[in-house]
Amino acid sequence: MRWAEPDIRPPRSRSQRAAIAVAFAVSLPGLVVAVGSGHPGGPGGAALFGVGIVGAAFLLAWAAEALQLDVSQGLALALLALIAVLPE
């Protein structure tokens, strides 16, 4: 009896790692300001949070895509929807 070959995924390329790092770095200032006590006002604060939301959305999309490799697509989308409505 022969066993099936394991599904070996190639390591992430440098461009993929760089894209994830950029998305994390973009979302980090918004998180720091939201958790901290000081809030910047005016257009600068709105731009900071807007860019942070876009970076977090990219991270969530990548996480959902990666999760679909391990679980069913429906379960991955359900978890993504749950994470999206948790702040509310």
N, C-alpha and C. Protein backbone atom coordinates (compact mmCIF):
# COMPACT_ATOMS: atom_id res chain seq x y z
N MET A 1 0.84 -1.17 0.00
CA MET A 1 0.00 0.00 0.00
C MET A 1 0.89 1.25 0.00
N ARG A 2 0.60 2.17 -0.89
CA ARG A 2 1.39 3.39 -0.99
C ARG A 2 0.62 4.55 -0.41
N TRP A 3 1.32 5.39 0.30
CA TRP A 3 0.71 6.58 0.89
C TRP A 3 0.76 7.72 -0.11
N ALA A 4 -0.21 8.58 -0.01
CA ALA A 4 -0.24 9.75 -0.90
C ALA A 4 0.86 10.72 -0.50
N GLU A 5 1.40 11.36 -1.49
CA GLU A 5 2.44 12.35 -1.22
C GLU A 5 1.84 13.53 -0.46
N PRO A 6 2.53 14.05 0.54
CA PRO A 6 1.99 15.19 1.29
C PRO A 6 1.95 16.44 0.41
N ASP A 7 0.98 17.28 0.69
CA ASP A 7 0.84 18.53 -0.05
C ASP A 7 1.86 19.52 0.50
N ILE A 8 2.95 19.69 -0.21
CA ILE A 8 4.01 20.58 0.24
C ILE A 8 3.85 21.90 -0.48
N ARG A 9 3.66 22.95 0.29
CA ARG A 9 3.50 24.28 -0.29
C ARG A 9 4.86 24.95 -0.41
N PRO A 10 5.08 25.62 -1.51
CA PRO A 10 6.36 26.32 -1.63
C PRO A 10 6.41 27.49 -0.66
N PRO A 11 7.60 27.85 -0.20
CA PRO A 11 7.70 28.98 0.72
C PRO A 11 7.28 30.27 0.03
N ARG A 12 6.85 31.21 0.84
CA ARG A 12 6.41 32.49 0.29
C ARG A 12 7.60 33.21 -0.34
N SER A 13 7.31 33.87 -1.43
CA SER A 13 8.36 34.63 -2.09
C SER A 13 8.60 35.94 -1.33
N ARG A 14 9.67 36.61 -1.68
CA ARG A 14 9.98 37.86 -1.01
C ARG A 14 8.93 38.93 -1.26
N SER A 15 8.37 38.92 -2.47
CA SER A 15 7.35 39.94 -2.78
C SER A 15 6.09 39.71 -1.96
N GLN A 16 5.72 38.46 -1.71
CA GLN A 16 4.55 38.18 -0.88
C GLN A 16 4.81 38.59 0.56
N ARG A 17 5.99 38.28 1.06
CA ARG A 17 6.32 38.69 2.43
C ARG A 17 6.35 40.20 2.55
N ALA A 18 6.89 40.87 1.54
CA ALA A 18 6.95 42.33 1.57
C ALA A 18 5.55 42.93 1.53
N ALA A 19 4.65 42.36 0.73
CA ALA A 19 3.29 42.88 0.66
C ALA A 19 2.56 42.72 1.99
N ILE A 20 2.74 41.58 2.66
CA ILE A 20 2.12 41.37 3.96
C ILE A 20 2.71 42.33 4.99
N ALA A 21 4.01 42.53 4.95
CA ALA A 21 4.65 43.45 5.88
C ALA A 21 4.17 44.89 5.66
N VAL A 22 4.00 45.28 4.41
CA VAL A 22 3.51 46.64 4.12
C VAL A 22 2.08 46.80 4.62
N ALA A 23 1.23 45.80 4.39
CA ALA A 23 -0.16 45.88 4.86
C ALA A 23 -0.21 45.94 6.37
N PHE A 24 0.65 45.19 7.05
CA PHE A 24 0.69 45.23 8.51
C PHE A 24 1.20 46.59 8.99
N ALA A 25 2.24 47.10 8.35
CA ALA A 25 2.81 48.39 8.75
C ALA A 25 1.82 49.53 8.51
N VAL A 26 1.02 49.42 7.46
CA VAL A 26 0.04 50.46 7.17
C VAL A 26 -1.09 50.44 8.19
N SER A 27 -1.47 49.26 8.65
CA SER A 27 -2.58 49.17 9.60
C SER A 27 -2.14 49.43 11.04
N LEU A 28 -0.87 49.32 11.34
CA LEU A 28 -0.38 49.46 12.71
C LEU A 28 -0.59 50.86 13.31
N PRO A 29 -0.32 51.97 12.62
CA PRO A 29 -0.55 53.28 13.25
C PRO A 29 -2.01 53.52 13.65
N GLY A 30 -2.94 53.07 12.86
CA GLY A 30 -4.35 53.21 13.22
C GLY A 30 -4.68 52.43 14.48
N LEU A 31 -4.10 51.25 14.62
CA LEU A 31 -4.31 50.45 15.83
C LEU A 31 -3.71 51.11 17.05
N VAL A 32 -2.51 51.63 16.91
CA VAL A 32 -1.84 52.29 18.04
C VAL A 32 -2.63 53.52 18.49
N VAL A 33 -3.12 54.30 17.54
CA VAL A 33 -3.88 55.49 17.90
C VAL A 33 -5.22 55.10 18.52
N ALA A 34 -5.86 54.06 18.00
CA ALA A 34 -7.15 53.63 18.54
C ALA A 34 -7.02 53.10 19.96
N VAL A 35 -5.94 52.40 20.26
CA VAL A 35 -5.75 51.83 21.59
C VAL A 35 -5.21 52.89 22.56
N GLY A 36 -4.40 53.80 22.05
CA GLY A 36 -3.82 54.85 22.89
C GLY A 36 -4.85 55.86 23.34
N SER A 37 -4.42 56.79 24.19
CA SER A 37 -5.35 57.77 24.74
C SER A 37 -5.51 58.99 23.84
N GLY A 38 -4.52 59.32 23.03
CA GLY A 38 -4.61 60.50 22.19
C GLY A 38 -5.15 60.19 20.81
N HIS A 39 -6.03 61.06 20.32
CA HIS A 39 -6.59 60.88 18.98
C HIS A 39 -6.27 62.11 18.15
N PRO A 40 -5.64 61.92 16.99
CA PRO A 40 -5.38 63.07 16.14
C PRO A 40 -6.69 63.56 15.52
N GLY A 41 -6.82 64.86 15.42
CA GLY A 41 -8.04 65.41 14.85
C GLY A 41 -7.84 65.87 13.43
N GLY A 42 -8.92 66.24 12.81
CA GLY A 42 -8.86 66.80 11.48
C GLY A 42 -8.64 65.78 10.40
N PRO A 43 -8.25 66.27 9.22
CA PRO A 43 -8.07 65.37 8.07
C PRO A 43 -6.94 64.37 8.26
N GLY A 44 -5.91 64.73 9.02
CA GLY A 44 -4.79 63.80 9.24
C GLY A 44 -5.24 62.56 10.00
N GLY A 45 -6.05 62.75 11.01
CA GLY A 45 -6.56 61.61 11.78
C GLY A 45 -7.46 60.72 10.94
N ALA A 46 -8.31 61.35 10.12
CA ALA A 46 -9.20 60.58 9.26
C ALA A 46 -8.40 59.79 8.22
N ALA A 47 -7.37 60.42 7.67
CA ALA A 47 -6.53 59.72 6.69
C ALA A 47 -5.79 58.56 7.34
N LEU A 48 -5.31 58.76 8.57
CA LEU A 48 -4.60 57.70 9.29
C LEU A 48 -5.49 56.49 9.51
N PHE A 49 -6.71 56.74 9.98
CA PHE A 49 -7.62 55.63 10.20
C PHE A 49 -8.08 55.00 8.89
N GLY A 50 -8.27 55.80 7.85
CA GLY A 50 -8.67 55.26 6.55
C GLY A 50 -7.63 54.33 5.98
N VAL A 51 -6.38 54.73 6.04
CA VAL A 51 -5.29 53.89 5.54
C VAL A 51 -5.15 52.64 6.41
N GLY A 52 -5.36 52.80 7.72
CA GLY A 52 -5.31 51.64 8.61
C GLY A 52 -6.40 50.62 8.31
N ILE A 53 -7.58 51.11 7.97
CA ILE A 53 -8.69 50.21 7.63
C ILE A 53 -8.39 49.47 6.34
N VAL A 54 -7.83 50.15 5.37
CA VAL A 54 -7.48 49.49 4.10
C VAL A 54 -6.41 48.42 4.33
N GLY A 55 -5.40 48.73 5.13
CA GLY A 55 -4.36 47.73 5.43
C GLY A 55 -4.92 46.53 6.16
N ALA A 56 -5.83 46.77 7.13
CA ALA A 56 -6.44 45.65 7.85
C ALA A 56 -7.33 44.82 6.93
N ALA A 57 -7.99 45.46 5.98
CA ALA A 57 -8.84 44.72 5.04
C ALA A 57 -7.99 43.80 4.16
N PHE A 58 -6.82 44.28 3.73
CA PHE A 58 -5.93 43.42 2.96
C PHE A 58 -5.46 42.23 3.78
N LEU A 59 -5.13 42.46 5.04
CA LEU A 59 -4.69 41.35 5.89
C LEU A 59 -5.82 40.33 6.09
N LEU A 60 -7.04 40.81 6.29
CA LEU A 60 -8.17 39.89 6.45
C LEU A 60 -8.42 39.09 5.17
N ALA A 61 -8.29 39.74 4.03
CA ALA A 61 -8.51 39.04 2.76
C ALA A 61 -7.44 37.96 2.56
N TRP A 62 -6.20 38.27 2.87
CA TRP A 62 -5.15 37.26 2.73
C TRP A 62 -5.35 36.11 3.71
N ALA A 63 -5.78 36.43 4.92
CA ALA A 63 -6.02 35.38 5.91
C ALA A 63 -7.16 34.47 5.47
N ALA A 64 -8.22 35.05 4.93
CA ALA A 64 -9.35 34.24 4.46
C ALA A 64 -8.93 33.36 3.28
N GLU A 65 -8.12 33.90 2.40
CA GLU A 65 -7.65 33.12 1.26
C GLU A 65 -6.76 31.96 1.72
N ALA A 66 -5.91 32.22 2.68
CA ALA A 66 -5.05 31.16 3.20
C ALA A 66 -5.86 30.11 3.96
N LEU A 67 -6.90 30.55 4.65
CA LEU A 67 -7.74 29.62 5.40
C LEU A 67 -8.51 28.69 4.48
N GLN A 68 -8.84 29.15 3.29
CA GLN A 68 -9.58 28.32 2.34
C GLN A 68 -8.78 27.11 1.89
N LEU A 69 -7.46 27.15 2.03
CA LEU A 69 -6.64 26.00 1.67
C LEU A 69 -6.78 24.87 2.68
N ASP A 70 -7.13 25.21 3.93
CA ASP A 70 -7.21 24.21 4.99
C ASP A 70 -8.64 23.79 5.33
N VAL A 71 -9.60 24.69 5.18
CA VAL A 71 -11.00 24.37 5.50
C VAL A 71 -11.86 24.71 4.30
N SER A 72 -13.14 24.43 4.39
CA SER A 72 -14.04 24.70 3.27
C SER A 72 -14.20 26.19 3.05
N GLN A 73 -14.60 26.55 1.83
CA GLN A 73 -14.77 27.96 1.49
C GLN A 73 -15.87 28.59 2.31
N GLY A 74 -16.95 27.88 2.55
CA GLY A 74 -18.06 28.41 3.34
C GLY A 74 -17.65 28.74 4.76
N LEU A 75 -16.89 27.84 5.39
CA LEU A 75 -16.43 28.09 6.76
C LEU A 75 -15.46 29.27 6.80
N ALA A 76 -14.59 29.38 5.82
CA ALA A 76 -13.65 30.50 5.77
C ALA A 76 -14.40 31.82 5.63
N LEU A 77 -15.42 31.86 4.78
CA LEU A 77 -16.21 33.09 4.61
C LEU A 77 -17.02 33.40 5.86
N ALA A 78 -17.51 32.38 6.54
CA ALA A 78 -18.26 32.60 7.78
C ALA A 78 -17.35 33.20 8.85
N LEU A 79 -16.15 32.70 8.96
CA LEU A 79 -15.21 33.26 9.95
C LEU A 79 -14.82 34.69 9.58
N LEU A 80 -14.65 34.96 8.30
CA LEU A 80 -14.34 36.31 7.86
C LEU A 80 -15.50 37.25 8.18
N ALA A 81 -16.71 36.82 7.95
CA ALA A 81 -17.88 37.64 8.28
C ALA A 81 -17.98 37.88 9.78
N LEU A 82 -17.67 36.88 10.59
CA LEU A 82 -17.71 37.03 12.04
C LEU A 82 -16.66 38.05 12.49
N ILE A 83 -15.47 37.98 11.94
CA ILE A 83 -14.42 38.93 12.30
C ILE A 83 -14.80 40.34 11.86
N ALA A 84 -15.47 40.45 10.73
CA ALA A 84 -15.85 41.76 10.21
C ALA A 84 -16.89 42.45 11.08
N VAL A 85 -17.77 41.69 11.72
CA VAL A 85 -18.82 42.31 12.54
C VAL A 85 -18.50 42.32 14.03
N LEU A 86 -17.38 41.76 14.45
CA LEU A 86 -17.03 41.75 15.87
C LEU A 86 -16.96 43.15 16.50
N PRO A 87 -16.40 44.14 15.83
CA PRO A 87 -16.35 45.47 16.48
C PRO A 87 -17.72 46.07 16.75
N GLU A 88 -18.73 45.65 16.02
CA GLU A 88 -20.06 46.20 16.22
C GLU A 88 -20.71 45.55 17.39
